[in-house]
């Protein structure tokens, strides 16, 4: 608790930086991956607009974000589908989900569908989503015109300290022409290679922060481990996440990207690792 309150105090020491902007729009035949911040992304895939772990709030109860969201619900196209990887408050933010629902209803008169792991459905049931889907590891379903598969990860899923029955995982989202793997929060494990064998993702969105002290690596990868997972899953592109937005680990805020880039350079794969600024879009 002492370490937590130190993180809270540090999160309020400097003003938030950055600014929000409308996302770059892509054509129906393209893939667009827009980094919103932390683990939040807007995916334009198969002519659909998908949000993964959308968090726009300035605070997670008392912990304040360090960077403004790259884009906001009112700046986005109407969202068709929302995916939530697990119930932790930096991934499932109730006020942000309500904003997404309100914005979609205003833009085209209907609300998005939402996918959550098994055991998380009660947290989103009353937020106004058109339909709530639950998935477990390796379960696959066609939702909103896309193929969605929940993938394993090494983490935990409680909302509060004792509700450990809640599920957790990552996703591979596929339109047939394009596919994106969002790992969710995870430590390094052999599941990266299995995701590659089974689903062959094109783009991998992988976490690189909150790895120090070393005990945190029981549930979070280091930047070097993220690169190893990227290579093992066989994706063409890696986009890092889970860094720079919230003070969750004791490593310096700018260290994860530096270590990621150093490891990519050591392995001569710099051209395959794309570090996106908040609001920036990778187009394929």
C-alpha atoms as a PDB file:
ATOM      1  CA  UNK A   1       0.000   0.000   0.000  1.00  0.00           C
ATOM      2  CA  UNK A   2       2.910   2.330   0.699  1.00  0.00           C
ATOM      3  CA  UNK A   3       4.247   1.720  -2.794  1.00  0.00           C
ATOM      4  CA  UNK A   4       0.792   2.326  -4.271  1.00  0.00           C
ATOM      5  CA  UNK A   5       0.379   5.677  -2.534  1.00  0.00           C
ATOM      6  CA  UNK A   6       3.818   6.718  -3.713  1.00  0.00           C
ATOM      7  CA  UNK A   7       2.665   6.013  -7.292  1.00  0.00           C
ATOM      8  CA  UNK A   8      -0.502   8.048  -6.681  1.00  0.00           C
ATOM      9  CA  UNK A   9       1.471  10.990  -5.331  1.00  0.00           C
ATOM     10  CA  UNK A  10       3.897  10.904  -8.249  1.00  0.00           C
ATOM     11  CA  UNK A  11       1.021  10.718 -10.752  1.00  0.00           C
ATOM     12  CA  UNK A  12      -0.140  14.184  -9.612  1.00  0.00           C
ATOM     13  CA  UNK A  13       3.260  15.896  -9.639  1.00  0.00           C
ATOM     14  CA  UNK A  14       3.315  16.909 -13.319  1.00  0.00           C
ATOM     15  CA  UNK A  15       0.525  18.188 -15.599  1.00  0.00           C
ATOM     16  CA  UNK A  16      -0.821  15.833 -18.235  1.00  0.00           C
ATOM     17  CA  UNK A  17       0.794  16.209 -21.641  1.00  0.00           C
ATOM     18  CA  UNK A  18      -0.414  15.602 -25.196  1.00  0.00           C
ATOM     19  CA  UNK A  19      -3.723  16.394 -26.844  1.00  0.00           C
ATOM     20  CA  UNK A  20      -6.639  14.498 -28.333  1.00  0.00           C
ATOM     21  CA  UNK A  21      -7.431  14.583 -32.051  1.00  0.00           C
ATOM     22  CA  UNK A  22      -9.757  12.868 -34.525  1.00  0.00           C
ATOM     23  CA  UNK A  23      -8.333   9.559 -35.737  1.00  0.00           C
ATOM     24  CA  UNK A  24      -7.113   9.131 -39.280  1.00  0.00           C
ATOM     25  CA  UNK A  25      -9.801   7.373 -41.312  1.00  0.00           C
ATOM     26  CA  UNK A  26      -8.917   4.430 -43.544  1.00  0.00           C
ATOM     27  CA  UNK A  27     -10.752   2.855 -46.463  1.00  0.00           C
ATOM     28  CA  UNK A  28     -12.792  -0.362 -45.998  1.00  0.00           C
ATOM     29  CA  UNK A  29      -9.992  -2.405 -47.589  1.00  0.00           C
ATOM     30  CA  UNK A  30      -7.337  -1.076 -45.207  1.00  0.00           C
ATOM     31  CA  UNK A  31      -6.457  -1.821 -41.615  1.00  0.00           C
ATOM     32  CA  UNK A  32      -6.098   1.128 -39.264  1.00  0.00           C
ATOM     33  CA  UNK A  33      -4.602   0.737 -35.774  1.00  0.00           C
ATOM     34  CA  UNK A  34      -4.893   3.934 -33.723  1.00  0.00           C
ATOM     35  CA  UNK A  35      -3.143   4.115 -30.349  1.00  0.00           C
ATOM     36  CA  UNK A  36      -5.316   5.895 -27.797  1.00  0.00           C
ATOM     37  CA  UNK A  37      -2.997   5.354 -24.840  1.00  0.00           C
ATOM     38  CA  UNK A  38      -2.106   2.664 -22.294  1.00  0.00           C
ATOM     39  CA  UNK A  39      -3.799  -0.496 -23.707  1.00  0.00           C
ATOM     40  CA  UNK A  40      -6.595   1.339 -25.567  1.00  0.00           C
ATOM     41  CA  UNK A  41      -6.841   1.100 -29.354  1.00  0.00           C
ATOM     42  CA  UNK A  42      -9.259   1.982 -32.120  1.00  0.00           C
ATOM     43  CA  UNK A  43      -9.143  -0.645 -34.871  1.00  0.00           C
ATOM     44  CA  UNK A  44     -10.625   0.068 -38.294  1.00  0.00           C
ATOM     45  CA  UNK A  45     -10.865  -3.420 -39.725  1.00  0.00           C
ATOM     46  CA  UNK A  46     -13.141  -5.007 -42.306  1.00  0.00           C
ATOM     47  CA  UNK A  47     -15.166  -1.804 -42.562  1.00  0.00           C
ATOM     48  CA  UNK A  48     -15.933  -1.958 -38.821  1.00  0.00           C
ATOM     49  CA  UNK A  49     -14.814   0.283 -35.966  1.00  0.00           C
ATOM     50  CA  UNK A  50     -13.603  -1.635 -32.914  1.00  0.00           C
ATOM     51  CA  UNK A  51     -12.390  -0.370 -29.539  1.00  0.00           C
ATOM     52  CA  UNK A  52     -10.190  -2.506 -27.301  1.00  0.00           C
ATOM     53  CA  UNK A  53      -9.937  -1.681 -23.573  1.00  0.00           C
ATOM     54  CA  UNK A  54     -11.109   1.929 -24.022  1.00  0.00           C
ATOM     55  CA  UNK A  55     -10.052   4.164 -21.120  1.00  0.00           C
ATOM     56  CA  UNK A  56     -10.536   7.930 -21.522  1.00  0.00           C
ATOM     57  CA  UNK A  57     -10.834   8.943 -17.856  1.00  0.00           C
ATOM     58  CA  UNK A  58      -8.297  11.305 -16.343  1.00  0.00           C
ATOM     59  CA  UNK A  59      -8.190   9.271 -13.146  1.00  0.00           C
ATOM     60  CA  UNK A  60      -8.522   5.664 -12.087  1.00  0.00           C
ATOM     61  CA  UNK A  61     -10.112   6.545  -8.744  1.00  0.00           C
ATOM     62  CA  UNK A  62      -7.009   8.347  -7.377  1.00  0.00           C
ATOM     63  CA  UNK A  63      -4.263   7.433  -9.870  1.00  0.00           C
ATOM     64  CA  UNK A  64      -4.031  10.158 -12.521  1.00  0.00           C
ATOM     65  CA  UNK A  65      -3.013   9.533 -16.119  1.00  0.00           C
ATOM     66  CA  UNK A  66       0.139  11.187 -17.452  1.00  0.00           C
ATOM     67  CA  UNK A  67      -0.845  11.571 -21.113  1.00  0.00           C
ATOM     68  CA  UNK A  68      -4.092  12.762 -22.658  1.00  0.00           C
ATOM     69  CA  UNK A  69      -6.015  10.125 -24.660  1.00  0.00           C
ATOM     70  CA  UNK A  70      -4.986  10.216 -28.307  1.00  0.00           C
ATOM     71  CA  UNK A  71      -8.603  10.472 -29.394  1.00  0.00           C
ATOM     72  CA  UNK A  72     -11.995  10.730 -27.658  1.00  0.00           C
ATOM     73  CA  UNK A  73     -15.360   9.039 -28.325  1.00  0.00           C
ATOM     74  CA  UNK A  74     -16.905  12.208 -29.798  1.00  0.00           C
ATOM     75  CA  UNK A  75     -14.003  12.456 -32.276  1.00  0.00           C
ATOM     76  CA  UNK A  76     -14.337   8.872 -33.511  1.00  0.00           C
ATOM     77  CA  UNK A  77     -16.622   7.242 -36.052  1.00  0.00           C
ATOM     78  CA  UNK A  78     -19.519   5.270 -34.563  1.00  0.00           C
ATOM     79  CA  UNK A  79     -18.187   2.178 -32.792  1.00  0.00           C
ATOM     80  CA  UNK A  80     -19.529  -1.229 -33.827  1.00  0.00           C
ATOM     81  CA  UNK A  81     -17.782  -3.435 -31.280  1.00  0.00           C
ATOM     82  CA  UNK A  82     -15.970  -3.070 -27.944  1.00  0.00           C
ATOM     83  CA  UNK A  83     -13.590  -5.716 -26.582  1.00  0.00           C
ATOM     84  CA  UNK A  84     -12.545  -5.801 -22.917  1.00  0.00           C
ATOM     85  CA  UNK A  85      -9.628  -8.034 -21.958  1.00  0.00           C
ATOM     86  CA  UNK A  86     -10.182  -8.165 -18.178  1.00  0.00           C
ATOM     87  CA  UNK A  87     -11.799  -6.372 -15.263  1.00  0.00           C
ATOM     88  CA  UNK A  88      -8.856  -4.344 -13.932  1.00  0.00           C
ATOM     89  CA  UNK A  89      -9.767  -0.661 -13.770  1.00  0.00           C
ATOM     90  CA  UNK A  90      -7.067   0.406 -16.238  1.00  0.00           C
ATOM     91  CA  UNK A  91      -8.766  -1.825 -18.841  1.00  0.00           C
ATOM     92  CA  UNK A  92     -12.467  -1.803 -17.899  1.00  0.00           C
ATOM     93  CA  UNK A  93     -13.441   1.774 -17.111  1.00  0.00           C
ATOM     94  CA  UNK A  94     -17.187   2.094 -16.624  1.00  0.00           C
ATOM     95  CA  UNK A  95     -17.432   5.833 -17.314  1.00  0.00           C
ATOM     96  CA  UNK A  96     -15.459   5.440 -20.552  1.00  0.00           C
ATOM     97  CA  UNK A  97     -17.709   2.610 -21.725  1.00  0.00           C
ATOM     98  CA  UNK A  98     -20.777   4.754 -21.055  1.00  0.00           C
ATOM     99  CA  UNK A  99     -19.262   7.542 -23.165  1.00  0.00           C
ATOM    100  CA  UNK A 100     -18.704   5.114 -26.046  1.00  0.00           C
ATOM    101  CA  UNK A 101     -22.305   3.894 -25.854  1.00  0.00           C
ATOM    102  CA  UNK A 102     -23.705   7.450 -25.795  1.00  0.00           C
ATOM    103  CA  UNK A 103     -21.532   8.562 -28.713  1.00  0.00           C
ATOM    104  CA  UNK A 104     -22.490   5.568 -30.892  1.00  0.00           C
ATOM    105  CA  UNK A 105     -26.190   6.055 -30.163  1.00  0.00           C
ATOM    106  CA  UNK A 106     -25.958   9.720 -31.133  1.00  0.00           C
ATOM    107  CA  UNK A 107     -23.995   9.022 -34.341  1.00  0.00           C
ATOM    108  CA  UNK A 108     -26.057   6.223 -35.858  1.00  0.00           C
ATOM    109  CA  UNK A 109     -28.927   5.464 -33.534  1.00  0.00           C
ATOM    110  CA  UNK A 110     -27.696   2.145 -32.197  1.00  0.00           C
ATOM    111  CA  UNK A 111     -25.172   1.071 -29.622  1.00  0.00           C
ATOM    112  CA  UNK A 112     -22.145  -1.249 -30.007  1.00  0.00           C
ATOM    113  CA  UNK A 113     -21.906  -4.870 -29.058  1.00  0.00           C
ATOM    114  CA  UNK A 114     -19.370  -5.776 -26.368  1.00  0.00           C
ATOM    115  CA  UNK A 115     -17.214  -8.857 -25.740  1.00  0.00           C
ATOM    116  CA  UNK A 116     -15.876  -9.687 -22.277  1.00  0.00           C
ATOM    117  CA  UNK A 117     -14.289 -12.754 -20.673  1.00  0.00           C
ATOM    118  CA  UNK A 118     -16.567 -15.113 -18.790  1.00  0.00           C
ATOM    119  CA  UNK A 119     -17.345 -13.755 -15.344  1.00  0.00           C
ATOM    120  CA  UNK A 120     -17.098 -10.092 -16.392  1.00  0.00           C
ATOM    121  CA  UNK A 121     -20.517  -9.716 -18.010  1.00  0.00           C
ATOM    122  CA  UNK A 122     -22.187  -8.299 -14.875  1.00  0.00           C
ATOM    123  CA  UNK A 123     -19.886  -5.246 -15.002  1.00  0.00           C
ATOM    124  CA  UNK A 124     -21.136  -4.189 -18.462  1.00  0.00           C
ATOM    125  CA  UNK A 125     -24.705  -5.553 -18.465  1.00  0.00           C
ATOM    126  CA  UNK A 126     -26.387  -2.246 -17.545  1.00  0.00           C
ATOM    127  CA  UNK A 127     -24.255   0.155 -19.601  1.00  0.00           C
ATOM    128  CA  UNK A 128     -26.493   0.160 -22.696  1.00  0.00           C
ATOM    129  CA  UNK A 129     -24.639  -2.153 -25.088  1.00  0.00           C
ATOM    130  CA  UNK A 130     -26.820  -3.711 -27.769  1.00  0.00           C
ATOM    131  CA  UNK A 131     -25.573  -7.184 -26.923  1.00  0.00           C
ATOM    132  CA  UNK A 132     -23.094  -8.649 -24.425  1.00  0.00           C
ATOM    133  CA  UNK A 133     -20.974 -11.623 -25.549  1.00  0.00           C
ATOM    134  CA  UNK A 134     -18.772 -13.729 -23.271  1.00  0.00           C
ATOM    135  CA  UNK A 135     -15.838 -15.820 -24.456  1.00  0.00           C
ATOM    136  CA  UNK A 136     -13.340 -18.171 -22.853  1.00  0.00           C
ATOM    137  CA  UNK A 137      -9.831 -19.088 -24.035  1.00  0.00           C
ATOM    138  CA  UNK A 138      -9.708 -20.261 -27.663  1.00  0.00           C
ATOM    139  CA  UNK A 139     -13.447 -19.758 -28.085  1.00  0.00           C
ATOM    140  CA  UNK A 140     -14.209 -18.157 -31.451  1.00  0.00           C
ATOM    141  CA  UNK A 141     -17.317 -16.322 -32.605  1.00  0.00           C
ATOM    142  CA  UNK A 142     -18.454 -14.143 -35.490  1.00  0.00           C
ATOM    143  CA  UNK A 143     -19.505 -10.819 -33.978  1.00  0.00           C
ATOM    144  CA  UNK A 144     -20.390  -7.589 -35.795  1.00  0.00           C
ATOM    145  CA  UNK A 145     -19.146  -9.097 -39.058  1.00  0.00           C
ATOM    146  CA  UNK A 146     -15.712  -9.969 -37.638  1.00  0.00           C
ATOM    147  CA  UNK A 147     -14.160 -13.179 -36.368  1.00  0.00           C
ATOM    148  CA  UNK A 148     -13.181 -12.762 -32.721  1.00  0.00           C
ATOM    149  CA  UNK A 149     -11.102 -15.324 -30.815  1.00  0.00           C
ATOM    150  CA  UNK A 150     -10.208 -15.034 -27.136  1.00  0.00           C
ATOM    151  CA  UNK A 151      -6.596 -16.002 -26.486  1.00  0.00           C
ATOM    152  CA  UNK A 152      -4.868 -17.125 -23.271  1.00  0.00           C
ATOM    153  CA  UNK A 153      -2.540 -14.938 -21.257  1.00  0.00           C
ATOM    154  CA  UNK A 154      -0.690 -15.100 -17.941  1.00  0.00           C
ATOM    155  CA  UNK A 155      -2.314 -12.527 -15.675  1.00  0.00           C
ATOM    156  CA  UNK A 156      -5.348 -12.406 -13.350  1.00  0.00           C
ATOM    157  CA  UNK A 157      -8.837 -11.011 -13.672  1.00  0.00           C
ATOM    158  CA  UNK A 158     -10.220  -9.714 -10.363  1.00  0.00           C
ATOM    159  CA  UNK A 159     -12.057  -6.390 -10.238  1.00  0.00           C
ATOM    160  CA  UNK A 160     -11.642  -6.255  -6.468  1.00  0.00           C
ATOM    161  CA  UNK A 161      -9.315  -8.247  -4.250  1.00  0.00           C
ATOM    162  CA  UNK A 162     -11.486 -11.322  -3.747  1.00  0.00           C
ATOM    163  CA  UNK A 163     -13.542 -11.774  -6.947  1.00  0.00           C
ATOM    164  CA  UNK A 164     -10.963 -14.014  -8.579  1.00  0.00           C
ATOM    165  CA  UNK A 165     -13.607 -15.977 -10.488  1.00  0.00           C
ATOM    166  CA  UNK A 166     -13.488 -13.402 -13.280  1.00  0.00           C
ATOM    167  CA  UNK A 167     -11.951 -14.412 -16.600  1.00  0.00           C
ATOM    168  CA  UNK A 168      -9.191 -12.641 -18.513  1.00  0.00           C
ATOM    169  CA  UNK A 169      -7.432 -12.983 -21.858  1.00  0.00           C
ATOM    170  CA  UNK A 170      -6.473 -11.379 -25.133  1.00  0.00           C
ATOM    171  CA  UNK A 171      -8.117 -11.323 -28.563  1.00  0.00           C
ATOM    172  CA  UNK A 172      -7.367 -11.934 -32.206  1.00  0.00           C
ATOM    173  CA  UNK A 173      -9.724  -9.925 -34.406  1.00  0.00           C
ATOM    174  CA  UNK A 174      -9.894 -10.955 -38.052  1.00  0.00           C
ATOM    175  CA  UNK A 175     -11.715  -9.667 -41.112  1.00  0.00           C
ATOM    176  CA  UNK A 176     -10.299 -12.344 -43.400  1.00  0.00           C
ATOM    177  CA  UNK A 177      -8.013  -9.834 -45.103  1.00  0.00           C
ATOM    178  CA  UNK A 178      -6.469  -8.437 -41.904  1.00  0.00           C
ATOM    179  CA  UNK A 179      -5.954  -9.668 -38.346  1.00  0.00           C
ATOM    180  CA  UNK A 180      -4.832  -8.042 -35.095  1.00  0.00           C
ATOM    181  CA  UNK A 181      -3.673  -9.716 -31.869  1.00  0.00           C
ATOM    182  CA  UNK A 182      -4.197  -7.743 -28.638  1.00  0.00           C
ATOM    183  CA  UNK A 183      -2.571  -9.829 -25.913  1.00  0.00           C
ATOM    184  CA  UNK A 184      -4.157  -8.097 -22.930  1.00  0.00           C
ATOM    185  CA  UNK A 185      -1.935  -7.864 -19.878  1.00  0.00           C
ATOM    186  CA  UNK A 186       0.370 -10.853 -19.634  1.00  0.00           C
ATOM    187  CA  UNK A 187       3.647 -12.231 -18.400  1.00  0.00           C
ATOM    188  CA  UNK A 188       5.824 -14.125 -20.864  1.00  0.00           C
ATOM    189  CA  UNK A 189       4.518 -17.643 -21.575  1.00  0.00           C
ATOM    190  CA  UNK A 190       4.511 -20.240 -24.325  1.00  0.00           C
ATOM    191  CA  UNK A 191       1.058 -19.117 -25.448  1.00  0.00           C
ATOM    192  CA  UNK A 192       2.555 -16.510 -27.799  1.00  0.00           C
ATOM    193  CA  UNK A 193       3.805 -19.280 -30.076  1.00  0.00           C
ATOM    194  CA  UNK A 194       0.481 -21.092 -29.870  1.00  0.00           C
ATOM    195  CA  UNK A 195      -1.398 -17.947 -30.900  1.00  0.00           C
ATOM    196  CA  UNK A 196       0.866 -17.765 -33.921  1.00  0.00           C
ATOM    197  CA  UNK A 197       0.337 -21.410 -34.868  1.00  0.00           C
ATOM    198  CA  UNK A 198      -3.429 -21.274 -34.516  1.00  0.00           C
ATOM    199  CA  UNK A 199      -4.322 -17.776 -35.687  1.00  0.00           C
ATOM    200  CA  UNK A 200      -1.363 -16.277 -37.601  1.00  0.00           C
ATOM    201  CA  UNK A 201      -1.965 -12.602 -36.678  1.00  0.00           C
ATOM    202  CA  UNK A 202      -0.725  -9.813 -38.914  1.00  0.00           C
ATOM    203  CA  UNK A 203      -0.228  -7.168 -36.185  1.00  0.00           C
ATOM    204  CA  UNK A 204       0.602  -7.825 -32.514  1.00  0.00           C
ATOM    205  CA  UNK A 205      -0.280  -5.254 -29.845  1.00  0.00           C
ATOM    206  CA  UNK A 206       1.902  -6.203 -26.875  1.00  0.00           C
ATOM    207  CA  UNK A 207       2.515  -4.652 -23.416  1.00  0.00           C
ATOM    208  CA  UNK A 208       5.966  -3.408 -22.432  1.00  0.00           C
ATOM    209  CA  UNK A 209       5.529  -1.566 -19.089  1.00  0.00           C
ATOM    210  CA  UNK A 210       5.038  -2.172 -15.330  1.00  0.00           C
ATOM    211  CA  UNK A 211       7.758  -4.840 -15.117  1.00  0.00           C
ATOM    212  CA  UNK A 212       9.753  -3.480 -12.147  1.00  0.00           C
ATOM    213  CA  UNK A 213      10.239  -4.552  -9.408  1.00  0.00           C
ATOM    214  CA  UNK A 214      10.965  -7.983 -10.829  1.00  0.00           C
ATOM    215  CA  UNK A 215       8.065  -9.544  -8.916  1.00  0.00           C
ATOM    216  CA  UNK A 216       5.741  -7.693 -11.345  1.00  0.00           C
ATOM    217  CA  UNK A 217       7.002  -9.944 -14.136  1.00  0.00           C
ATOM    218  CA  UNK A 218       4.787 -12.693 -12.759  1.00  0.00           C
ATOM    219  CA  UNK A 219       1.955 -10.837 -14.576  1.00  0.00           C
ATOM    220  CA  UNK A 220       3.702  -8.354 -16.940  1.00  0.00           C
ATOM    221  CA  UNK A 221       6.347  -8.845 -19.644  1.00  0.00           C
ATOM    222  CA  UNK A 222       9.513  -6.797 -19.838  1.00  0.00           C
ATOM    223  CA  UNK A 223      10.228  -5.055 -23.161  1.00  0.00           C
ATOM    224  CA  UNK A 224      12.679  -7.806 -24.110  1.00  0.00           C
ATOM    225  CA  UNK A 225      10.129 -10.505 -23.296  1.00  0.00           C
ATOM    226  CA  UNK A 226       7.539  -8.643 -25.371  1.00  0.00           C
ATOM    227  CA  UNK A 227       9.879  -8.758 -28.372  1.00  0.00           C
ATOM    228  CA  UNK A 228      10.396 -12.483 -27.810  1.00  0.00           C
ATOM    229  CA  UNK A 229       6.617 -12.982 -27.707  1.00  0.00           C
ATOM    230  CA  UNK A 230       6.249 -10.950 -30.892  1.00  0.00           C
ATOM    231  CA  UNK A 231       8.735 -13.107 -32.772  1.00  0.00           C
ATOM    232  CA  UNK A 232       7.173 -16.303 -31.464  1.00  0.00           C
ATOM    233  CA  UNK A 233       3.645 -15.327 -32.520  1.00  0.00           C
ATOM    234  CA  UNK A 234       4.923 -14.662 -36.044  1.00  0.00           C
ATOM    235  CA  UNK A 235       3.189 -11.324 -36.634  1.00  0.00           C
ATOM    236  CA  UNK A 236       4.584  -8.957 -39.266  1.00  0.00           C
ATOM    237  CA  UNK A 237       4.266  -5.817 -37.120  1.00  0.00           C
ATOM    238  CA  UNK A 238       4.517  -5.106 -33.399  1.00  0.00           C
ATOM    239  CA  UNK A 239       2.898  -2.080 -31.736  1.00  0.00           C
ATOM    240  CA  UNK A 240       3.749  -1.639 -28.028  1.00  0.00           C
ATOM    241  CA  UNK A 241       1.180  -0.716 -25.370  1.00  0.00           C
ATOM    242  CA  UNK A 242       0.799  -0.504 -21.575  1.00  0.00           C
ATOM    243  CA  UNK A 243       3.399   2.232 -21.120  1.00  0.00           C
ATOM    244  CA  UNK A 244       3.584   5.977 -20.622  1.00  0.00           C
ATOM    245  CA  UNK A 245      -0.018   6.608 -19.492  1.00  0.00           C
ATOM    246  CA  UNK A 246      -0.323   5.422 -15.888  1.00  0.00           C
ATOM    247  CA  UNK A 247       2.396   5.029 -13.258  1.00  0.00           C
ATOM    248  CA  UNK A 248       1.947   1.330 -12.537  1.00  0.00           C
ATOM    249  CA  UNK A 249       5.548   0.156 -12.103  1.00  0.00           C
ATOM    250  CA  UNK A 250       8.669   1.592 -10.526  1.00  0.00           C
ATOM    251  CA  UNK A 251      10.697   1.788 -13.746  1.00  0.00           C
ATOM    252  CA  UNK A 252      11.172   5.315 -15.208  1.00  0.00           C
ATOM    253  CA  UNK A 253       8.275   6.266 -17.482  1.00  0.00           C
ATOM    254  CA  UNK A 254      10.491   6.595 -20.561  1.00  0.00           C
ATOM    255  CA  UNK A 255      12.452   3.381 -19.994  1.00  0.00           C
ATOM    256  CA  UNK A 256      10.135   0.763 -21.595  1.00  0.00           C
ATOM    257  CA  UNK A 257      10.317   2.301 -25.090  1.00  0.00           C
ATOM    258  CA  UNK A 258      14.095   2.752 -24.871  1.00  0.00           C
ATOM    259  CA  UNK A 259      14.571  -0.885 -23.915  1.00  0.00           C
ATOM    260  CA  UNK A 260      12.148  -2.011 -26.619  1.00  0.00           C
ATOM    261  CA  UNK A 261      13.990  -0.071 -29.309  1.00  0.00           C
ATOM    262  CA  UNK A 262      17.376  -1.323 -28.100  1.00  0.00           C
ATOM    263  CA  UNK A 263      16.201  -4.934 -28.253  1.00  0.00           C
ATOM    264  CA  UNK A 264      14.673  -4.441 -31.713  1.00  0.00           C
ATOM    265  CA  UNK A 265      17.958  -2.926 -32.917  1.00  0.00           C
ATOM    266  CA  UNK A 266      19.953  -5.811 -31.425  1.00  0.00           C
ATOM    267  CA  UNK A 267      17.801  -8.262 -33.398  1.00  0.00           C
ATOM    268  CA  UNK A 268      17.728  -6.069 -36.553  1.00  0.00           C
ATOM    269  CA  UNK A 269      13.913  -5.854 -36.584  1.00  0.00           C
ATOM    270  CA  UNK A 270      13.548  -2.086 -36.054  1.00  0.00           C
ATOM    271  CA  UNK A 271      11.468  -1.788 -39.239  1.00  0.00           C
ATOM    272  CA  UNK A 272       8.869  -4.204 -37.818  1.00  0.00           C
ATOM    273  CA  UNK A 273       8.356  -2.459 -34.461  1.00  0.00           C
ATOM    274  CA  UNK A 274       6.150   0.643 -34.632  1.00  0.00           C
ATOM    275  CA  UNK A 275       5.988   2.843 -31.538  1.00  0.00           C
ATOM    276  CA  UNK A 276       2.881   4.993 -32.017  1.00  0.00           C
ATOM    277  CA  UNK A 277       2.241   8.341 -30.369  1.00  0.00           C
ATOM    278  CA  UNK A 278      -1.171   8.821 -28.793  1.00  0.00           C
ATOM    279  CA  UNK A 279      -3.591   9.461 -31.649  1.00  0.00           C
ATOM    280  CA  UNK A 280      -1.237   8.112 -34.340  1.00  0.00           C
ATOM    281  CA  UNK A 281      -2.526   5.484 -36.782  1.00  0.00           C
ATOM    282  CA  UNK A 282      -0.691   2.562 -38.377  1.00  0.00           C
ATOM    283  CA  UNK A 283      -2.231   1.964 -41.842  1.00  0.00           C
ATOM    284  CA  UNK A 284      -1.865  -1.301 -43.716  1.00  0.00           C
END
